[in-house]
Amino acid sequence: MMMNDFGVPMNDAELSMHKNPGKVIVQQQIATSGRESQIIWQAVGAAVNFVGSIIGGNKASNAARQQAQSQNEATNRQLEYDTDLWNMTKEKIVADREHATKVVETQAANELKLASWKDAGNAAKYNYDLMIRNKEQDSLDAQFAKSNDIYTKQIGFNDLNAKTARDSELKKLEEIEAETKFDSEEAYIQMLQAKGKMASIGSSGRSADKGFTSTLADYGRQVKLFNKSLASATGATKSVLKEIEQDRSSADLAAYGAKMLDPGKLPDPIQPLPTPVSNFLYPRDIGEYDFGPAPQAGAYASPSAAANMAWGAVIPGIASAAGAGLSLFD
């Protein structure tokens, strides 16, 4: 009899309220049916366990097979993704190198263009500076030539002035000499006339000698005065001629001081050097090592092996259940 929680045999109402009343009834029948009923139900239980193990093993095998297939599908999807990523990475590496090469080429072209522009500007400035230098050289040469011409003319003008002044002073001296000579001759004539007049009037003796001596003395005084005047005029003329020479030398020195020095040759502008251009390093060629190894699939799971593993875990239970059933008939 099945007992309830209080140790009292269950009635029909309690049996109907049990969570597994069939099991309770079987247990009561087995308990009341004796040895044969017990053996039968043990055999039934073993059969149920055996069948349950078979069903469970089949489910476990199917689950293992599905899990392996799902794993393989995931691995294939990962391989496909990794392969696409690897190919795209290769394309990006190639594209990046091409872009880097174009960047370097553009920089090199720009620097060459800038260097050419600077060279053209430097050449234009050099030509402009050279033109200014040549203009200045021509101007200085013209000024120097003009200065030499003015100096030569000034020297000639100074010589002409000095010669004119000398000639004027010498002419004055000649006039003074001629006048002195004329006055001397006039005095001599007057002296002779006085002497003849005395002789004509018949003067003689001491009175005549005294008159002649007085006339001769007067003539001598006049000649002496004429000579002194001529000597004074000659000295004055020499002094004036000396001053004229000094004035000419001073004028020549002033002209030489105003003369322009030879400018020589002005230095040419420095010729510009070519603008240096940098050397550019281009990206190296791409090798297979830049891409790395191609993606490989992971380890595949065998569905058959997974199913066999599930059956391997279930078969010992089946064997145990079968052994338990067979032991009932020993």
Protein backbone atom coordinates (compact mmCIF):
# COMPACT_ATOMS: atom_id res chain seq x y z
CA MET A 1 0.00 0.00 0.00
CA MET A 2 1.19 3.51 -0.74
CA MET A 3 1.32 5.57 2.41
CA ASN A 4 0.63 9.29 2.63
CA ASP A 5 2.66 11.77 4.61
CA PHE A 6 0.97 10.73 7.82
CA GLY A 7 1.69 6.95 7.41
CA VAL A 8 -1.86 6.14 6.50
CA PRO A 9 -2.70 4.17 3.31
CA MET A 10 -3.78 6.48 0.46
CA ASN A 11 -7.41 6.44 -0.54
CA ASP A 12 -8.73 7.00 -4.06
CA ALA A 13 -9.05 10.74 -3.55
CA GLU A 14 -5.41 11.06 -2.51
CA LEU A 15 -4.29 8.83 -5.37
CA SER A 16 -6.15 11.04 -7.89
CA MET A 17 -4.47 14.13 -6.45
CA HIS A 18 -0.95 12.69 -6.77
CA LYS A 19 1.24 14.23 -9.51
CA ASN A 20 1.80 10.79 -11.09
CA PRO A 21 -1.16 8.61 -10.09
CA GLY A 22 -0.36 5.93 -12.71
CA LYS A 23 3.01 5.34 -11.19
CA VAL A 24 1.44 5.11 -7.76
CA ILE A 25 -1.11 2.57 -8.96
CA VAL A 26 1.60 0.49 -10.63
CA GLN A 27 3.65 0.60 -7.50
CA GLN A 28 0.63 -0.54 -5.45
CA GLN A 29 -0.10 -3.35 -7.88
CA ILE A 30 3.50 -4.44 -7.88
CA ALA A 31 3.54 -4.31 -4.14
CA THR A 32 0.42 -6.46 -3.93
CA SER A 33 0.99 -8.74 -6.90
CA GLY A 34 3.87 -10.73 -5.51
CA ARG A 35 7.13 -11.93 -7.06
CA GLU A 36 5.97 -12.39 -10.65
CA SER A 37 4.49 -8.94 -10.88
CA GLN A 38 7.72 -7.47 -9.52
CA ILE A 39 9.82 -9.23 -12.17
CA ILE A 40 7.53 -8.12 -14.96
CA TRP A 41 7.63 -4.50 -13.94
CA GLN A 42 11.41 -4.58 -13.55
CA ALA A 43 11.62 -5.87 -17.11
CA VAL A 44 9.30 -3.13 -18.25
CA GLY A 45 11.43 -0.54 -16.49
CA ALA A 46 14.60 -1.86 -18.06
CA ALA A 47 12.96 -1.76 -21.47
CA VAL A 48 11.82 1.79 -20.88
CA ASN A 49 15.34 2.80 -19.86
CA PHE A 50 16.78 1.09 -22.92
CA VAL A 51 14.35 2.77 -25.26
CA GLY A 52 14.91 6.09 -23.53
CA SER A 53 18.66 5.73 -23.94
CA ILE A 54 18.22 4.99 -27.64
CA ILE A 55 16.01 8.02 -28.08
CA GLY A 56 18.34 10.21 -26.01
CA GLY A 57 21.41 9.03 -27.91
CA ASN A 58 19.75 9.76 -31.22
CA LYS A 59 18.83 13.27 -30.07
CA ALA A 60 22.36 13.89 -28.74
CA SER A 61 23.83 12.62 -32.01
CA ASN A 62 21.59 14.88 -34.08
CA ALA A 63 22.41 17.85 -31.82
CA ALA A 64 26.15 17.20 -32.10
CA ARG A 65 25.85 16.89 -35.88
CA GLN A 66 23.91 20.17 -36.13
CA GLN A 67 26.40 21.90 -33.83
CA ALA A 68 29.29 20.72 -36.01
CA GLN A 69 27.52 21.88 -39.16
CA SER A 70 26.80 25.25 -37.58
CA GLN A 71 30.43 25.54 -36.54
CA ASN A 72 31.57 24.72 -40.08
CA GLU A 73 29.16 27.26 -41.55
CA ALA A 74 30.47 29.92 -39.15
CA THR A 75 34.03 28.98 -40.08
CA ASN A 76 33.18 29.31 -43.78
CA ARG A 77 31.58 32.67 -43.20
CA GLN A 78 34.64 33.84 -41.23
CA LEU A 79 36.96 32.59 -44.00
CA GLU A 80 34.89 34.42 -46.62
CA TYR A 81 35.01 37.61 -44.54
CA ASP A 82 38.76 37.29 -43.88
CA THR A 83 39.40 36.64 -47.59
CA ASP A 84 37.39 39.70 -48.63
CA LEU A 85 39.18 41.79 -45.99
CA TRP A 86 42.58 40.50 -47.13
CA ASN A 87 41.79 41.33 -50.77
CA MET A 88 40.52 44.77 -49.86
CA THR A 89 43.62 45.36 -47.72
CA LYS A 90 45.79 44.45 -50.70
CA GLU A 91 43.90 46.88 -52.89
CA LYS A 92 44.24 49.58 -50.23
CA ILE A 93 48.00 49.01 -49.95
CA VAL A 94 48.37 49.32 -53.73
CA ALA A 95 46.11 52.40 -53.81
CA ASP A 96 47.98 54.00 -50.91
CA ARG A 97 51.32 53.50 -52.68
CA GLU A 98 49.95 54.95 -55.93
CA HIS A 99 48.60 57.94 -54.01
CA ALA A 100 51.89 58.42 -52.14
CA THR A 101 53.75 58.24 -55.48
CA LYS A 102 51.45 60.88 -56.99
CA VAL A 103 51.93 63.08 -53.92
CA VAL A 104 55.73 62.87 -54.27
CA GLU A 105 55.52 63.48 -58.02
CA THR A 106 53.29 66.51 -57.42
CA GLN A 107 55.65 67.88 -54.78
CA ALA A 108 58.63 67.36 -57.08
CA ALA A 109 56.85 69.05 -59.99
CA ASN A 110 55.78 71.97 -57.77
CA GLU A 111 59.29 72.44 -56.41
CA LEU A 112 60.76 72.32 -59.92
CA LYS A 113 58.18 74.85 -61.07
CA LEU A 114 58.99 77.09 -58.09
CA ALA A 115 62.73 76.77 -58.75
CA SER A 116 62.20 77.69 -62.41
CA TRP A 117 60.13 80.69 -61.37
CA LYS A 118 62.84 81.82 -58.94
CA ASP A 119 65.54 81.32 -61.60
CA ALA A 120 63.54 83.41 -64.06
CA GLY A 121 63.06 86.13 -61.44
CA ASN A 122 66.75 86.08 -60.51
CA ALA A 123 67.74 86.24 -64.18
CA ALA A 124 65.40 89.19 -64.78
CA LYS A 125 66.81 91.01 -61.74
CA TYR A 126 70.36 90.26 -62.88
CA ASN A 127 69.65 91.66 -66.35
CA TYR A 128 68.00 94.72 -64.81
CA ASP A 129 70.94 95.29 -62.43
CA LEU A 130 73.36 94.79 -65.32
CA MET A 131 71.45 97.35 -67.40
CA ILE A 132 71.61 99.85 -64.53
CA ARG A 133 75.33 99.13 -64.09
CA ASN A 134 75.97 99.71 -67.81
CA LYS A 135 73.97 102.94 -67.69
CA GLU A 136 75.98 104.13 -64.71
CA GLN A 137 79.21 103.11 -66.39
CA ASP A 138 78.28 104.98 -69.56
CA SER A 139 77.26 108.02 -67.52
CA LEU A 140 80.51 108.00 -65.53
CA ASP A 141 82.57 107.55 -68.69
CA ALA A 142 80.72 110.46 -70.31
CA GLN A 143 81.21 112.62 -67.22
CA PHE A 144 84.90 111.73 -67.11
CA ALA A 145 85.32 112.54 -70.78
CA LYS A 146 83.51 115.84 -70.29
CA SER A 147 85.63 116.61 -67.23
CA ASN A 148 88.80 115.95 -69.21
CA ASP A 149 87.55 118.13 -72.03
CA ILE A 150 86.71 120.96 -69.61
CA TYR A 151 90.09 120.56 -67.92
CA THR A 152 91.94 120.71 -71.21
CA LYS A 153 89.98 123.77 -72.28
CA GLN A 154 90.49 125.41 -68.90
CA ILE A 155 94.25 124.87 -69.10
CA GLY A 156 94.25 126.32 -72.56
CA PHE A 157 92.14 129.27 -71.39
CA ASN A 158 94.52 129.84 -68.48
CA ASP A 159 97.49 129.82 -70.86
CA LEU A 160 95.72 132.25 -73.16
CA ASN A 161 94.87 134.58 -70.29
CA ALA A 162 98.41 134.43 -68.97
CA LYS A 163 99.84 135.06 -72.44
CA THR A 164 97.44 137.96 -73.00
CA ALA A 165 98.36 139.45 -69.61
CA ARG A 166 102.09 139.02 -70.31
CA ASP A 167 101.80 140.53 -73.74
CA SER A 168 99.89 143.47 -72.29
CA GLU A 169 102.47 144.10 -69.58
CA LEU A 170 105.39 143.69 -71.99
CA LYS A 171 103.71 146.06 -74.40
CA LYS A 172 103.33 148.60 -71.62
CA LEU A 173 107.02 148.17 -70.79
CA GLU A 174 107.95 148.62 -74.42
CA GLU A 175 105.90 151.78 -74.56
CA ILE A 176 107.62 153.03 -71.44
CA GLU A 177 111.01 152.17 -72.90
CA ALA A 178 110.13 153.89 -76.16
CA GLU A 179 108.89 156.92 -74.29
CA THR A 180 111.98 156.99 -72.13
CA LYS A 181 114.19 156.67 -75.17
CA PHE A 182 112.28 159.46 -76.90
CA ASP A 183 112.55 161.69 -73.85
CA SER A 184 116.28 160.95 -73.61
CA GLU A 185 116.83 161.84 -77.20
CA GLU A 186 114.71 164.96 -76.77
CA ALA A 187 116.82 166.01 -73.80
CA TYR A 188 120.02 165.33 -75.72
CA ILE A 189 118.77 167.44 -78.63
CA GLN A 190 117.87 170.26 -76.29
CA MET A 191 121.31 170.03 -74.71
CA LEU A 192 122.94 170.28 -78.15
CA GLN A 193 120.71 173.20 -79.09
CA ALA A 194 121.63 175.02 -75.92
CA LYS A 195 125.31 174.43 -76.59
CA GLY A 196 124.97 175.69 -80.16
CA LYS A 197 123.09 178.73 -79.07
CA MET A 198 125.81 179.63 -76.60
CA ALA A 199 128.40 179.20 -79.27
CA SER A 200 126.45 181.38 -81.67
CA ILE A 201 126.28 184.31 -79.33
CA GLY A 202 130.01 184.21 -78.90
CA SER A 203 130.22 183.28 -75.30
CA SER A 204 133.73 182.39 -74.24
CA GLY A 205 135.87 182.14 -71.26
CA ARG A 206 134.77 181.18 -67.89
CA SER A 207 131.23 182.31 -68.38
CA ALA A 208 130.80 180.05 -71.40
CA ASP A 209 132.21 177.05 -69.57
CA LYS A 210 129.89 177.60 -66.72
CA GLY A 211 126.84 177.77 -68.95
CA PHE A 212 127.84 174.61 -70.85
CA THR A 213 128.43 172.75 -67.62
CA SER A 214 125.02 173.76 -66.35
CA THR A 215 123.37 172.57 -69.54
CA LEU A 216 125.23 169.28 -69.47
CA ALA A 217 124.33 168.74 -65.82
CA ASP A 218 120.69 169.36 -66.55
CA TYR A 219 120.81 166.83 -69.35
CA GLY A 220 122.43 164.29 -67.04
CA ARG A 221 119.75 164.72 -64.45
CA GLN A 222 117.04 164.18 -67.02
CA VAL A 223 118.72 161.04 -68.36
CA LYS A 224 119.12 159.69 -64.86
CA LEU A 225 115.47 160.38 -64.15
CA PHE A 226 114.46 158.64 -67.36
CA ASN A 227 116.60 155.60 -66.54
CA LYS A 228 115.22 155.40 -63.04
CA SER A 229 111.69 155.57 -64.36
CA LEU A 230 112.49 152.87 -66.91
CA ALA A 231 114.04 150.63 -64.23
CA SER A 232 111.01 151.09 -62.03
CA ALA A 233 108.69 150.24 -64.91
CA THR A 234 110.82 147.18 -65.74
CA GLY A 235 110.66 145.96 -62.11
CA ALA A 236 106.93 146.52 -61.98
CA THR A 237 106.52 144.62 -65.22
CA LYS A 238 108.55 141.68 -63.87
CA SER A 239 106.44 141.65 -60.72
CA VAL A 240 103.24 141.69 -62.75
CA LEU A 241 104.53 138.91 -65.00
CA LYS A 242 105.35 136.84 -61.92
CA GLU A 243 101.84 137.39 -60.57
CA ILE A 244 100.41 136.42 -63.93
CA GLU A 245 102.37 133.16 -63.82
CA GLN A 246 101.22 132.49 -60.27
CA ASP A 247 97.62 133.20 -61.23
CA ARG A 248 97.94 130.80 -64.14
CA SER A 249 99.36 128.08 -61.91
CA SER A 250 96.60 128.65 -59.38
CA ALA A 251 93.98 128.47 -62.12
CA ASP A 252 95.57 125.28 -63.48
CA LEU A 253 95.57 123.75 -59.99
CA ALA A 254 91.92 124.68 -59.47
CA ALA A 255 91.05 123.15 -62.83
CA TYR A 256 92.92 119.98 -61.90
CA GLY A 257 91.09 119.87 -58.55
CA ALA A 258 87.75 120.17 -60.34
CA LYS A 259 88.76 117.40 -62.73
CA MET A 260 86.85 114.14 -62.26
CA LEU A 261 88.84 111.07 -61.33
CA ASP A 262 88.82 108.13 -63.69
CA PRO A 263 85.83 106.00 -62.58
CA GLY A 264 87.39 102.85 -63.93
CA LYS A 265 85.13 99.88 -64.49
CA LEU A 266 82.16 99.25 -62.23
CA PRO A 267 81.81 95.65 -61.05
CA ASP A 268 79.19 93.58 -62.78
CA PRO A 269 76.26 92.24 -60.74
CA ILE A 270 76.77 88.79 -59.32
CA GLN A 271 75.27 86.21 -61.58
CA PRO A 272 72.53 84.27 -59.75
CA LEU A 273 73.11 80.64 -58.95
CA PRO A 274 70.54 78.06 -60.00
CA THR A 275 67.94 77.43 -57.34
CA PRO A 276 68.63 74.07 -55.70
CA VAL A 277 65.95 71.42 -56.02
CA SER A 278 65.39 68.78 -53.36
CA ASN A 279 65.71 65.09 -54.04
CA PHE A 280 62.49 63.21 -53.45
CA LEU A 281 62.31 59.62 -52.23
CA TYR A 282 59.56 57.67 -53.91
CA PRO A 283 57.75 54.81 -52.16
CA ARG A 284 59.38 51.44 -52.60
CA ASP A 285 57.80 48.73 -54.70
CA ILE A 286 55.21 46.57 -53.03
CA GLY A 287 56.17 42.98 -52.30
CA GLU A 288 54.11 39.94 -51.43
CA TYR A 289 55.32 40.28 -47.86
CA ASP A 290 53.36 43.55 -47.60
CA PHE A 291 50.10 41.64 -48.01
CA GLY A 292 50.84 38.94 -45.47
CA PRO A 293 49.64 35.35 -45.73
CA ALA A 294 46.27 34.63 -47.25
CA PRO A 295 43.51 33.77 -44.76
CA GLN A 296 43.15 30.08 -43.88
CA ALA A 297 40.05 28.29 -42.68
CA GLY A 298 39.95 27.19 -39.06
CA ALA A 299 39.70 23.53 -37.97
CA TYR A 300 36.53 21.95 -39.36
CA ALA A 301 34.30 19.85 -37.05
CA SER A 302 33.24 16.48 -38.48
CA PRO A 303 29.43 15.90 -38.04
CA SER A 304 29.97 12.12 -38.11
CA ALA A 305 32.63 12.32 -35.46
CA ALA A 306 30.40 14.52 -33.32
CA ALA A 307 27.53 12.05 -33.69
CA ASN A 308 29.83 9.15 -32.86
CA MET A 309 31.02 10.95 -29.76
CA ALA A 310 27.39 11.39 -28.66
CA TRP A 311 26.67 7.72 -29.31
CA GLY A 312 29.83 6.78 -27.47
CA ALA A 313 28.50 8.54 -24.41
CA VAL A 314 25.05 6.94 -24.73
CA ILE A 315 25.96 3.33 -25.61
CA PRO A 316 27.36 2.48 -22.15
CA GLY A 317 24.02 3.58 -20.69
CA ILE A 318 22.16 1.37 -23.18
CA ALA A 319 24.38 -1.52 -22.36
CA SER A 320 23.78 -0.99 -18.68
CA ALA A 321 20.03 -0.87 -19.25
CA ALA A 322 20.16 -4.03 -21.36
CA GLY A 323 22.27 -5.74 -18.72
CA ALA A 324 19.83 -4.75 -16.02
CA GLY A 325 16.93 -6.21 -18.03
CA LEU A 326 18.73 -9.48 -18.69
CA SER A 327 19.63 -9.85 -15.03
CA LEU A 328 15.95 -10.17 -14.19
CA PHE A 329 15.84 -13.55 -15.86
CA ASP A 330 18.88 -14.99 -14.12
